[in-house]
C-alpha atoms as a PDB file:
ATOM      1  CA  MET A   1     123.403  53.908  53.110  1.00  0.00           C
ATOM      2  CA  ASN A   2     121.550  52.544  56.181  1.00  0.00           C
ATOM      3  CA  THR A   3     117.920  53.145  55.074  1.00  0.00           C
ATOM      4  CA  MET A   4     115.440  52.128  58.032  1.00  0.00           C
ATOM      5  CA  ASN A   5     112.227  51.247  56.098  1.00  0.00           C
ATOM      6  CA  ALA A   6     110.518  49.931  59.395  1.00  0.00           C
ATOM      7  CA  ILE A   7     110.045  51.172  63.000  1.00  0.00           C
ATOM      8  CA  HIS A   8     111.381  48.318  65.358  1.00  0.00           C
ATOM      9  CA  THR A   9     110.521  47.656  68.920  1.00  0.00           C
ATOM     10  CA  PHE A  10     111.970  46.596  71.779  1.00  0.00           C
ATOM     11  CA  GLU A  11     111.884  46.239  75.350  1.00  0.00           C
ATOM     12  CA  ILE A  12     114.459  47.137  78.223  1.00  0.00           C
ATOM     13  CA  GLU A  13     114.156  46.349  81.622  1.00  0.00           C
ATOM     14  CA  GLY A  14     110.343  46.427  81.565  1.00  0.00           C
ATOM     15  CA  LEU A  15     110.095  49.458  78.892  1.00  0.00           C
ATOM     16  CA  VAL A  16     109.201  49.373  75.783  1.00  0.00           C
ATOM     17  CA  VAL A  17     111.470  51.305  73.362  1.00  0.00           C
ATOM     18  CA  GLN A  18     110.715  52.159  69.375  1.00  0.00           C
ATOM     19  CA  THR A  19     113.185  53.578  66.834  1.00  0.00           C
ATOM     20  CA  GLY A  20     114.592  56.622  67.766  1.00  0.00           C
ATOM     21  CA  ASP A  21     114.115  56.620  71.220  1.00  0.00           C
ATOM     22  CA  VAL A  22     116.630  57.585  73.560  1.00  0.00           C
ATOM     23  CA  ILE A  23     117.958  55.161  76.661  1.00  0.00           C
ATOM     24  CA  CYS A  24     119.569  56.971  79.672  1.00  0.00           C
ATOM     25  CA  THR A  25     121.754  55.486  81.463  1.00  0.00           C
ATOM     26  CA  THR A  26     124.484  56.931  84.554  1.00  0.00           C
ATOM     27  CA  ASN A  27     128.005  56.499  84.474  1.00  0.00           C
ATOM     28  CA  GLY A  28     129.391  53.215  86.962  1.00  0.00           C
ATOM     29  CA  LYS A  29     127.715  50.187  88.194  1.00  0.00           C
ATOM     30  CA  PRO A  30     128.465  49.929  92.193  1.00  0.00           C
ATOM     31  CA  ASP A  31     128.947  46.163  92.389  1.00  0.00           C
ATOM     32  CA  ILE A  32     132.523  46.082  90.122  1.00  0.00           C
ATOM     33  CA  LEU A  33     135.461  47.364  90.534  1.00  0.00           C
ATOM     34  CA  PRO A  34     135.557  49.710  87.011  1.00  0.00           C
ATOM     35  CA  GLY A  35     132.085  50.605  87.378  1.00  0.00           C
ATOM     36  CA  GLU A  36     133.317  52.873  90.091  1.00  0.00           C
ATOM     37  CA  PHE A  37     135.671  54.732  87.889  1.00  0.00           C
ATOM     38  CA  TRP A  38     132.648  55.658  85.062  1.00  0.00           C
ATOM     39  CA  ARG A  39     130.544  56.896  88.155  1.00  0.00           C
ATOM     40  CA  LEU A  40     133.479  59.059  89.227  1.00  0.00           C
ATOM     41  CA  VAL A  41     133.281  60.481  86.089  1.00  0.00           C
ATOM     42  CA  GLY A  42     129.421  60.828  85.528  1.00  0.00           C
ATOM     43  CA  ARG A  43     129.446  63.066  88.853  1.00  0.00           C
ATOM     44  CA  LEU A  44     131.277  65.913  86.692  1.00  0.00           C
ATOM     45  CA  VAL A  45     127.852  65.814  84.252  1.00  0.00           C
ATOM     46  CA  PRO A  46     124.621  67.978  85.402  1.00  0.00           C
ATOM     47  CA  GLY A  47     121.772  65.444  86.327  1.00  0.00           C
ATOM     48  CA  ASP A  48     121.231  62.273  87.350  1.00  0.00           C
ATOM     49  CA  VAL A  49     121.525  61.028  83.402  1.00  0.00           C
ATOM     50  CA  ASP A  50     125.415  60.629  82.244  1.00  0.00           C
ATOM     51  CA  HIS A  51     125.291  58.480  79.111  1.00  0.00           C
ATOM     52  CA  VAL A  52     122.670  58.319  76.359  1.00  0.00           C
ATOM     53  CA  VAL A  53     122.109  55.883  73.734  1.00  0.00           C
ATOM     54  CA  MET A  54     120.190  56.201  70.523  1.00  0.00           C
ATOM     55  CA  TYR A  55     117.875  52.674  70.188  1.00  0.00           C
ATOM     56  CA  VAL A  56     117.575  51.758  66.358  1.00  0.00           C
ATOM     57  CA  GLY A  57     116.659  48.314  66.228  1.00  0.00           C
ATOM     58  CA  PRO A  58     115.749  46.003  64.777  1.00  0.00           C
ATOM     59  CA  SER A  59     116.181  43.494  68.096  1.00  0.00           C
ATOM     60  CA  GLY A  60     118.797  45.232  70.144  1.00  0.00           C
ATOM     61  CA  ARG A  61     121.014  47.243  68.054  1.00  0.00           C
ATOM     62  CA  CYS A  62     121.602  50.501  69.401  1.00  0.00           C
ATOM     63  CA  VAL A  63     123.879  53.049  68.134  1.00  0.00           C
ATOM     64  CA  GLU A  64     126.119  54.746  71.174  1.00  0.00           C
ATOM     65  CA  ALA A  65     129.198  57.490  70.772  1.00  0.00           C
ATOM     66  CA  GLY A  66     131.360  57.171  73.437  1.00  0.00           C
ATOM     67  CA  SER A  67     135.421  56.515  74.102  1.00  0.00           C
ATOM     68  CA  ARG A  68     135.886  54.236  70.510  1.00  0.00           C
ATOM     69  CA  GLY A  69     133.545  57.051  68.594  1.00  0.00           C
ATOM     70  CA  VAL A  70     130.120  56.244  67.356  1.00  0.00           C
ATOM     71  CA  ILE A  71     129.408  52.886  66.910  1.00  0.00           C
ATOM     72  CA  THR A  72     126.645  50.207  67.126  1.00  0.00           C
ATOM     73  CA  PHE A  73     125.955  47.181  69.402  1.00  0.00           C
ATOM     74  CA  GLU A  74     123.393  44.866  70.677  1.00  0.00           C
ATOM     75  CA  MET A  75     121.919  44.029  73.250  1.00  0.00           C
ATOM     76  CA  PRO A  76     122.035  40.392  73.904  1.00  0.00           C
ATOM     77  CA  ASN A  77     118.772  40.270  75.692  1.00  0.00           C
ATOM     78  CA  SER A  78     116.070  43.247  77.018  1.00  0.00           C
ATOM     79  CA  ALA A  79     118.434  43.041  79.930  1.00  0.00           C
ATOM     80  CA  TRP A  80     120.905  46.483  80.271  1.00  0.00           C
ATOM     81  CA  ASP A  81     123.926  43.680  80.960  1.00  0.00           C
ATOM     82  CA  THR A  82     127.040  46.307  80.866  1.00  0.00           C
ATOM     83  CA  GLU A  83     129.339  43.481  81.998  1.00  0.00           C
ATOM     84  CA  ARG A  84     128.086  41.897  78.603  1.00  0.00           C
ATOM     85  CA  MET A  85     128.210  44.869  76.996  1.00  0.00           C
ATOM     86  CA  ALA A  86     131.781  46.767  78.165  1.00  0.00           C
ATOM     87  CA  ARG A  87     133.862  45.225  75.269  1.00  0.00           C
ATOM     88  CA  GLU A  88     131.777  46.107  72.464  1.00  0.00           C
ATOM     89  CA  ARG A  89     131.619  49.736  74.499  1.00  0.00           C
ATOM     90  CA  GLY A  90     134.993  50.279  74.496  1.00  0.00           C
ATOM     91  CA  LEU A  91     134.730  49.035  78.238  1.00  0.00           C
ATOM     92  CA  LEU A  92     132.225  51.196  79.340  1.00  0.00           C
ATOM     93  CA  PHE A  93     130.314  50.557  82.119  1.00  0.00           C
ATOM     94  CA  ASP A  94     126.959  51.995  83.271  1.00  0.00           C
ATOM     95  CA  THR A  95     123.376  51.464  84.706  1.00  0.00           C
ATOM     96  CA  PHE A  96     120.215  52.002  82.878  1.00  0.00           C
ATOM     97  CA  TYR A  97     118.127  54.738  83.873  1.00  0.00           C
ATOM     98  CA  GLY A  98     114.782  54.956  81.893  1.00  0.00           C
ATOM     99  CA  VAL A  99     113.713  56.196  78.126  1.00  0.00           C
ATOM    100  CA  ALA A 100     113.451  59.677  77.069  1.00  0.00           C
ATOM    101  CA  SER A 101     111.040  59.380  73.830  1.00  0.00           C
ATOM    102  CA  PRO A 102     111.270  63.663  72.539  1.00  0.00           C
ATOM    103  CA  LEU A 103     108.453  62.174  70.324  1.00  0.00           C
ATOM    104  CA  ASP A 104     105.407  61.448  72.805  1.00  0.00           C
ATOM    105  CA  GLY A 105     103.121  64.182  73.500  1.00  0.00           C
ATOM    106  CA  GLN A 106     104.274  66.071  70.273  1.00  0.00           C
ATOM    107  CA  GLY A 107     100.776  65.266  68.927  1.00  0.00           C
ATOM    108  CA  TYR A 108     102.306  64.034  65.237  1.00  0.00           C
ATOM    109  CA  SER A 109     100.736  61.703  62.682  1.00  0.00           C
ATOM    110  CA  GLU A 110     101.601  58.352  62.539  1.00  0.00           C
ATOM    111  CA  GLU A 111     103.063  58.823  59.245  1.00  0.00           C
ATOM    112  CA  GLU A 112     104.979  61.913  60.583  1.00  0.00           C
ATOM    113  CA  GLU A 113     105.794  59.994  63.390  1.00  0.00           C
ATOM    114  CA  PHE A 114     107.515  57.373  61.048  1.00  0.00           C
ATOM    115  CA  HIS A 115     109.708  59.920  58.806  1.00  0.00           C
ATOM    116  CA  ILE A 116     111.245  61.023  61.958  1.00  0.00           C
ATOM    117  CA  ARG A 117     111.962  58.161  63.799  1.00  0.00           C
ATOM    118  CA  THR A 118     113.647  56.774  60.476  1.00  0.00           C
ATOM    119  CA  THR A 119     115.269  59.969  59.710  1.00  0.00           C
ATOM    120  CA  VAL A 120     116.575  60.387  63.110  1.00  0.00           C
ATOM    121  CA  ALA A 121     117.709  56.909  62.583  1.00  0.00           C
ATOM    122  CA  GLU A 122     119.595  56.557  59.624  1.00  0.00           C
ATOM    123  CA  TYR A 123     121.145  60.290  60.752  1.00  0.00           C
ATOM    124  CA  CYS A 124     122.919  58.028  63.824  1.00  0.00           C
ATOM    125  CA  LEU A 125     123.927  55.047  61.359  1.00  0.00           C
ATOM    126  CA  ALA A 126     125.409  57.467  58.772  1.00  0.00           C
ATOM    127  CA  GLN A 127     128.139  58.410  61.423  1.00  0.00           C
ATOM    128  CA  VAL A 128     128.944  55.216  62.390  1.00  0.00           C
ATOM    129  CA  GLY A 129     133.194  54.902  62.661  1.00  0.00           C
ATOM    130  CA  LYS A 130     133.264  58.842  63.287  1.00  0.00           C
ATOM    131  CA  PRO A 131     135.805  59.972  66.389  1.00  0.00           C
ATOM    132  CA  TYR A 132     134.384  60.676  69.894  1.00  0.00           C
ATOM    133  CA  ASN A 133     134.202  65.000  70.297  1.00  0.00           C
ATOM    134  CA  LEU A 134     136.163  66.176  73.177  1.00  0.00           C
ATOM    135  CA  ASN A 135     135.278  69.552  72.658  1.00  0.00           C
ATOM    136  CA  PHE A 136     132.231  69.214  74.622  1.00  0.00           C
ATOM    137  CA  LEU A 137     131.618  73.105  73.618  1.00  0.00           C
ATOM    138  CA  ASP A 138     131.008  72.510  69.932  1.00  0.00           C
ATOM    139  CA  ALA A 139     128.006  70.765  69.566  1.00  0.00           C
ATOM    140  CA  GLU A 140     127.443  72.021  65.396  1.00  0.00           C
ATOM    141  CA  THR A 141     130.041  69.302  64.309  1.00  0.00           C
ATOM    142  CA  GLU A 142     129.536  66.831  62.429  1.00  0.00           C
ATOM    143  CA  LYS A 143     132.975  65.554  61.993  1.00  0.00           C
ATOM    144  CA  ALA A 144     132.987  63.903  65.595  1.00  0.00           C
ATOM    145  CA  PHE A 145     130.133  63.145  68.428  1.00  0.00           C
ATOM    146  CA  TYR A 146     129.996  63.032  72.522  1.00  0.00           C
ATOM    147  CA  CYS A 147     126.808  60.862  73.040  1.00  0.00           C
ATOM    148  CA  SER A 148     124.076  63.539  74.259  1.00  0.00           C
ATOM    149  CA  GLN A 149     125.584  65.415  70.683  1.00  0.00           C
ATOM    150  CA  LEU A 150     124.643  62.570  68.172  1.00  0.00           C
ATOM    151  CA  ILE A 151     121.366  62.638  69.661  1.00  0.00           C
ATOM    152  CA  TYR A 152     121.415  66.619  69.668  1.00  0.00           C
ATOM    153  CA  LYS A 153     121.840  66.540  65.841  1.00  0.00           C
ATOM    154  CA  ALA A 154     120.211  63.168  64.569  1.00  0.00           C
ATOM    155  CA  TYR A 155     116.326  65.321  65.615  1.00  0.00           C
ATOM    156  CA  GLN A 156     117.579  68.416  64.934  1.00  0.00           C
ATOM    157  CA  GLN A 157     117.712  67.274  60.852  1.00  0.00           C
ATOM    158  CA  VAL A 158     113.736  67.123  61.812  1.00  0.00           C
ATOM    159  CA  GLY A 159     113.539  70.458  63.443  1.00  0.00           C
ATOM    160  CA  VAL A 160     113.348  69.419  66.759  1.00  0.00           C
ATOM    161  CA  ASN A 161     116.079  70.957  69.532  1.00  0.00           C
ATOM    162  CA  LEU A 162     116.647  69.268  72.681  1.00  0.00           C
ATOM    163  CA  ASN A 163     119.807  71.347  73.869  1.00  0.00           C
ATOM    164  CA  THR A 164     117.741  73.645  76.662  1.00  0.00           C
ATOM    165  CA  GLY A 165     120.736  76.118  77.758  1.00  0.00           C
ATOM    166  CA  LEU A 166     121.112  74.077  80.601  1.00  0.00           C
ATOM    167  CA  ALA A 167     125.300  75.185  82.200  1.00  0.00           C
ATOM    168  CA  MET A 168     127.438  74.591  84.701  1.00  0.00           C
ATOM    169  CA  GLU A 169     127.780  77.202  87.317  1.00  0.00           C
ATOM    170  CA  GLN A 170     130.202  80.111  87.291  1.00  0.00           C
ATOM    171  CA  LEU A 171     131.535  78.148  83.419  1.00  0.00           C
ATOM    172  CA  PRO A 172     130.598  80.659  80.351  1.00  0.00           C
ATOM    173  CA  GLY A 173     129.680  79.433  77.539  1.00  0.00           C
ATOM    174  CA  THR A 174     129.185  76.133  79.000  1.00  0.00           C
ATOM    175  CA  ASN A 175     124.892  76.159  77.853  1.00  0.00           C
ATOM    176  CA  ASN A 176     126.568  75.319  73.976  1.00  0.00           C
ATOM    177  CA  ILE A 177     127.569  71.907  75.510  1.00  0.00           C
ATOM    178  CA  VAL A 178     124.013  69.441  75.177  1.00  0.00           C
ATOM    179  CA  TYR A 179     124.036  67.444  78.319  1.00  0.00           C
ATOM    180  CA  PRO A 180     122.586  63.922  78.788  1.00  0.00           C
ATOM    181  CA  GLN A 181     120.602  65.408  80.981  1.00  0.00           C
ATOM    182  CA  GLU A 182     118.359  67.795  79.361  1.00  0.00           C
ATOM    183  CA  ILE A 183     117.398  65.682  77.304  1.00  0.00           C
ATOM    184  CA  TRP A 184     116.111  63.419  79.806  1.00  0.00           C
ATOM    185  CA  GLY A 185     114.576  66.151  80.845  1.00  0.00           C
ATOM    186  CA  GLY A 186     113.708  68.116  77.995  1.00  0.00           C
ATOM    187  CA  CYS A 187     111.819  65.217  76.533  1.00  0.00           C
ATOM    188  CA  MET A 188     108.728  62.968  78.226  1.00  0.00           C
ATOM    189  CA  HIS A 189     110.447  59.927  80.310  1.00  0.00           C
ATOM    190  CA  ARG A 190     110.692  56.639  81.451  1.00  0.00           C
ATOM    191  CA  ARG A 191     112.454  55.861  84.734  1.00  0.00           C
ATOM    192  CA  ALA A 192     113.795  52.029  84.878  1.00  0.00           C
ATOM    193  CA  LYS A 193     110.951  50.156  86.826  1.00  0.00           C
ATOM    194  CA  ARG A 194     113.277  48.353  88.941  1.00  0.00           C
ATOM    195  CA  GLU A 195     115.120  49.858  91.982  1.00  0.00           C
ATOM    196  CA  VAL A 196     118.455  50.912  91.130  1.00  0.00           C
ATOM    197  CA  LYS A 197     120.409  50.486  94.776  1.00  0.00           C
ATOM    198  CA  SER A 198     121.429  54.066  95.844  1.00  0.00           C
ATOM    199  CA  GLU A 199     124.264  54.804  98.031  1.00  0.00           C
END
């Protein structure tokens, strides 16, 4: 059993994250060929944010739902080095976009925030080993997860709803999907401090 008994703090690309914060990325990395493939995949997802990862700690430990299912991986340092992490992450290549903090500005006491942060981290860690959820319309299942669904379900455990009802135009039912952009847009967030080259 994964029991969190502390809130961990880490720095990614100059931004401080704490246990339970959400790392937001855009698919792809323009200067490498596999990155171009992921950038094209990212164009299918509404908004700028294509992928989300929960920071749990200690050090650079994160949990994500990707092609290999729900996994943990380690950031080797405070830089989002996608090439260095790619093998561990199922050859996912992405670019750091920023950090979303579902608890910031909500007025929780220190004790409440500790409980929420540890609960959502424990939830994500408890899902490690489960498969990737290809049925994006079923965000309520706990048998399989896609990236933003994992974050949504974790925060649902503590009464925080991250599904804002975003939908793709002309496609009925797509408001059931929890998109990475919803988590970014529905929470207080901080953009990466370094300049990201745009095409």
